[in-house]
């Protein structure tokens, strides 16, 4: 296999658990992704003005703007509507899961997660959007 000169895939992580977000960021950077972190939905939405990710990885339950509300705002904006979401949550509420599925969320991983699970989903999502 030769060295590929493809651009780095960009990922926006939105999670109010700062330690988790930073750990995930470090792991994804080691995996050759370009990563930005926001610690709540509002900050995540603001970051989209200057950073256009290939994928958004978001927590669902956050203070202020929740992950589902962020998803709806992103999908309502034609400039960002095509960005796929991958949700990661420690919350096990089936009503929230049902709501996420109803609005068209591609994937939900439950915490604790391992990096291999995330990598598999990222490869699925990136493959879908090429």
C-alpha atoms as a PDB file:
ATOM      1  CA  UNK A   1       0.000   0.000   0.000  1.00  0.00           C
ATOM      2  CA  UNK A   2       1.342   3.405  -0.950  1.00  0.00           C
ATOM      3  CA  UNK A   3       1.077   6.549   1.099  1.00  0.00           C
ATOM      4  CA  UNK A   4      -2.248   8.225   0.424  1.00  0.00           C
ATOM      5  CA  UNK A   5      -2.325  11.994   0.190  1.00  0.00           C
ATOM      6  CA  UNK A   6      -5.944  12.419   1.178  1.00  0.00           C
ATOM      7  CA  UNK A   7      -7.170  15.301   3.263  1.00  0.00           C
ATOM      8  CA  UNK A   8      -7.738  14.758   6.960  1.00  0.00           C
ATOM      9  CA  UNK A   9     -11.316  14.014   7.879  1.00  0.00           C
ATOM     10  CA  UNK A  10     -12.663  16.733  10.169  1.00  0.00           C
ATOM     11  CA  UNK A  11     -14.642  15.866  13.284  1.00  0.00           C
ATOM     12  CA  UNK A  12     -16.466  18.114  15.723  1.00  0.00           C
ATOM     13  CA  UNK A  13     -16.924  16.610  19.203  1.00  0.00           C
ATOM     14  CA  UNK A  14     -19.696  18.181  21.299  1.00  0.00           C
ATOM     15  CA  UNK A  15     -19.775  16.871  24.875  1.00  0.00           C
ATOM     16  CA  UNK A  16     -20.142  18.557  28.262  1.00  0.00           C
ATOM     17  CA  UNK A  17     -17.902  15.919  29.868  1.00  0.00           C
ATOM     18  CA  UNK A  18     -14.637  17.772  29.218  1.00  0.00           C
ATOM     19  CA  UNK A  19     -12.360  14.873  30.184  1.00  0.00           C
ATOM     20  CA  UNK A  20     -14.185  12.468  27.880  1.00  0.00           C
ATOM     21  CA  UNK A  21     -14.179  14.972  24.993  1.00  0.00           C
ATOM     22  CA  UNK A  22     -10.442  15.642  25.346  1.00  0.00           C
ATOM     23  CA  UNK A  23      -9.614  11.927  25.566  1.00  0.00           C
ATOM     24  CA  UNK A  24     -11.696  11.205  22.466  1.00  0.00           C
ATOM     25  CA  UNK A  25     -10.057  14.159  20.680  1.00  0.00           C
ATOM     26  CA  UNK A  26      -6.567  12.830  21.478  1.00  0.00           C
ATOM     27  CA  UNK A  27      -7.465   9.332  20.278  1.00  0.00           C
ATOM     28  CA  UNK A  28      -8.958  10.649  17.028  1.00  0.00           C
ATOM     29  CA  UNK A  29      -5.961  12.917  16.370  1.00  0.00           C
ATOM     30  CA  UNK A  30      -3.700   9.868  16.770  1.00  0.00           C
ATOM     31  CA  UNK A  31      -5.962   8.226  14.181  1.00  0.00           C
ATOM     32  CA  UNK A  32      -5.240  11.107  11.761  1.00  0.00           C
ATOM     33  CA  UNK A  33      -8.462  13.083  12.116  1.00  0.00           C
ATOM     34  CA  UNK A  34      -8.605  16.855  12.437  1.00  0.00           C
ATOM     35  CA  UNK A  35     -10.657  17.478  15.589  1.00  0.00           C
ATOM     36  CA  UNK A  36     -12.372  20.438  17.252  1.00  0.00           C
ATOM     37  CA  UNK A  37     -14.134  20.207  20.639  1.00  0.00           C
ATOM     38  CA  UNK A  38     -17.141  22.111  21.975  1.00  0.00           C
ATOM     39  CA  UNK A  39     -18.389  21.617  25.520  1.00  0.00           C
ATOM     40  CA  UNK A  40     -22.074  22.261  24.862  1.00  0.00           C
ATOM     41  CA  UNK A  41     -24.535  22.419  21.985  1.00  0.00           C
ATOM     42  CA  UNK A  42     -24.463  26.205  21.689  1.00  0.00           C
ATOM     43  CA  UNK A  43     -20.659  26.264  21.442  1.00  0.00           C
ATOM     44  CA  UNK A  44     -20.827  23.424  18.921  1.00  0.00           C
ATOM     45  CA  UNK A  45     -23.249  25.364  16.755  1.00  0.00           C
ATOM     46  CA  UNK A  46     -21.017  28.472  16.970  1.00  0.00           C
ATOM     47  CA  UNK A  47     -17.951  26.457  15.900  1.00  0.00           C
ATOM     48  CA  UNK A  48     -19.746  25.503  12.681  1.00  0.00           C
ATOM     49  CA  UNK A  49     -19.347  29.113  11.499  1.00  0.00           C
ATOM     50  CA  UNK A  50     -15.569  28.619  11.141  1.00  0.00           C
ATOM     51  CA  UNK A  51     -15.148  24.832  11.063  1.00  0.00           C
ATOM     52  CA  UNK A  52     -16.989  22.520   8.679  1.00  0.00           C
ATOM     53  CA  UNK A  53     -16.633  18.956   9.953  1.00  0.00           C
ATOM     54  CA  UNK A  54     -17.205  15.803   7.943  1.00  0.00           C
ATOM     55  CA  UNK A  55     -18.892  14.306  11.021  1.00  0.00           C
ATOM     56  CA  UNK A  56     -20.277  15.618  14.313  1.00  0.00           C
ATOM     57  CA  UNK A  57     -19.922  13.362  17.367  1.00  0.00           C
ATOM     58  CA  UNK A  58     -22.259  14.666  20.048  1.00  0.00           C
ATOM     59  CA  UNK A  59     -23.537  13.823  23.487  1.00  0.00           C
ATOM     60  CA  UNK A  60     -27.350  13.908  23.683  1.00  0.00           C
ATOM     61  CA  UNK A  61     -27.990  15.178  27.215  1.00  0.00           C
ATOM     62  CA  UNK A  62     -26.175  18.476  27.846  1.00  0.00           C
ATOM     63  CA  UNK A  63     -27.100  21.662  29.692  1.00  0.00           C
ATOM     64  CA  UNK A  64     -28.450  24.419  27.464  1.00  0.00           C
ATOM     65  CA  UNK A  65     -28.757  23.216  23.887  1.00  0.00           C
ATOM     66  CA  UNK A  66     -29.074  19.411  23.914  1.00  0.00           C
ATOM     67  CA  UNK A  67     -27.567  17.162  21.273  1.00  0.00           C
ATOM     68  CA  UNK A  68     -30.976  16.597  19.688  1.00  0.00           C
ATOM     69  CA  UNK A  69     -31.641  20.350  19.546  1.00  0.00           C
ATOM     70  CA  UNK A  70     -28.185  20.854  18.013  1.00  0.00           C
ATOM     71  CA  UNK A  71     -28.983  18.136  15.458  1.00  0.00           C
ATOM     72  CA  UNK A  72     -32.223  19.914  14.482  1.00  0.00           C
ATOM     73  CA  UNK A  73     -30.453  23.297  14.132  1.00  0.00           C
ATOM     74  CA  UNK A  74     -27.676  21.796  12.017  1.00  0.00           C
ATOM     75  CA  UNK A  75     -30.152  19.951   9.781  1.00  0.00           C
ATOM     76  CA  UNK A  76     -32.283  23.111   9.351  1.00  0.00           C
ATOM     77  CA  UNK A  77     -29.320  25.056   7.938  1.00  0.00           C
ATOM     78  CA  UNK A  78     -28.696  24.245   4.230  1.00  0.00           C
ATOM     79  CA  UNK A  79     -24.952  24.897   4.683  1.00  0.00           C
ATOM     80  CA  UNK A  80     -24.631  22.190   7.359  1.00  0.00           C
ATOM     81  CA  UNK A  81     -27.634  19.915   6.708  1.00  0.00           C
ATOM     82  CA  UNK A  82     -25.584  17.157   5.075  1.00  0.00           C
ATOM     83  CA  UNK A  83     -23.169  16.703   8.009  1.00  0.00           C
ATOM     84  CA  UNK A  84     -23.812  13.292   9.590  1.00  0.00           C
ATOM     85  CA  UNK A  85     -24.138  12.902  13.353  1.00  0.00           C
ATOM     86  CA  UNK A  86     -22.947  10.157  15.630  1.00  0.00           C
ATOM     87  CA  UNK A  87     -24.376  10.379  19.138  1.00  0.00           C
ATOM     88  CA  UNK A  88     -22.622   9.078  22.222  1.00  0.00           C
ATOM     89  CA  UNK A  89     -24.588   9.034  25.442  1.00  0.00           C
ATOM     90  CA  UNK A  90     -24.410   7.696  28.957  1.00  0.00           C
ATOM     91  CA  UNK A  91     -28.119   8.321  29.283  1.00  0.00           C
ATOM     92  CA  UNK A  92     -30.250   5.208  28.874  1.00  0.00           C
ATOM     93  CA  UNK A  93     -33.698   6.805  28.454  1.00  0.00           C
ATOM     94  CA  UNK A  94     -35.649   4.991  25.737  1.00  0.00           C
ATOM     95  CA  UNK A  95     -37.814   8.075  25.056  1.00  0.00           C
ATOM     96  CA  UNK A  96     -34.690  10.021  24.115  1.00  0.00           C
ATOM     97  CA  UNK A  97     -33.447   7.137  21.975  1.00  0.00           C
ATOM     98  CA  UNK A  98     -36.834   6.920  20.241  1.00  0.00           C
ATOM     99  CA  UNK A  99     -36.823  10.682  19.598  1.00  0.00           C
ATOM    100  CA  UNK A 100     -33.316  10.453  18.132  1.00  0.00           C
ATOM    101  CA  UNK A 101     -34.358   7.658  15.778  1.00  0.00           C
ATOM    102  CA  UNK A 102     -37.514   9.540  14.794  1.00  0.00           C
ATOM    103  CA  UNK A 103     -35.579  12.615  13.642  1.00  0.00           C
ATOM    104  CA  UNK A 104     -33.172  10.524  11.577  1.00  0.00           C
ATOM    105  CA  UNK A 105     -30.086  10.062  13.726  1.00  0.00           C
ATOM    106  CA  UNK A 106     -27.696   7.575  12.084  1.00  0.00           C
ATOM    107  CA  UNK A 107     -26.054   6.094  15.124  1.00  0.00           C
ATOM    108  CA  UNK A 108     -26.094   6.147  18.884  1.00  0.00           C
ATOM    109  CA  UNK A 109     -23.301   4.610  20.933  1.00  0.00           C
ATOM    110  CA  UNK A 110     -23.714   4.182  24.660  1.00  0.00           C
ATOM    111  CA  UNK A 111     -21.024   5.143  27.159  1.00  0.00           C
ATOM    112  CA  UNK A 112     -18.741   3.643  28.173  1.00  0.00           C
ATOM    113  CA  UNK A 113     -17.562   3.175  24.602  1.00  0.00           C
ATOM    114  CA  UNK A 114     -14.319   1.933  23.187  1.00  0.00           C
ATOM    115  CA  UNK A 115     -12.416   3.675  20.427  1.00  0.00           C
ATOM    116  CA  UNK A 116     -12.879   0.715  18.078  1.00  0.00           C
ATOM    117  CA  UNK A 117     -16.664   1.192  18.176  1.00  0.00           C
ATOM    118  CA  UNK A 118     -16.252   4.845  17.255  1.00  0.00           C
ATOM    119  CA  UNK A 119     -13.736   4.093  14.504  1.00  0.00           C
ATOM    120  CA  UNK A 120     -16.093   1.527  12.952  1.00  0.00           C
ATOM    121  CA  UNK A 121     -18.964   4.033  12.917  1.00  0.00           C
ATOM    122  CA  UNK A 122     -16.731   6.784  11.522  1.00  0.00           C
ATOM    123  CA  UNK A 123     -15.608   4.500   8.689  1.00  0.00           C
ATOM    124  CA  UNK A 124     -19.280   3.674   7.977  1.00  0.00           C
ATOM    125  CA  UNK A 125     -20.219   7.367   7.902  1.00  0.00           C
ATOM    126  CA  UNK A 126     -17.229   8.471   5.830  1.00  0.00           C
ATOM    127  CA  UNK A 127     -17.827   5.668   3.357  1.00  0.00           C
ATOM    128  CA  UNK A 128     -21.439   6.730   2.998  1.00  0.00           C
ATOM    129  CA  UNK A 129     -20.557  10.320   2.149  1.00  0.00           C
ATOM    130  CA  UNK A 130     -17.982   9.725  -0.587  1.00  0.00           C
END
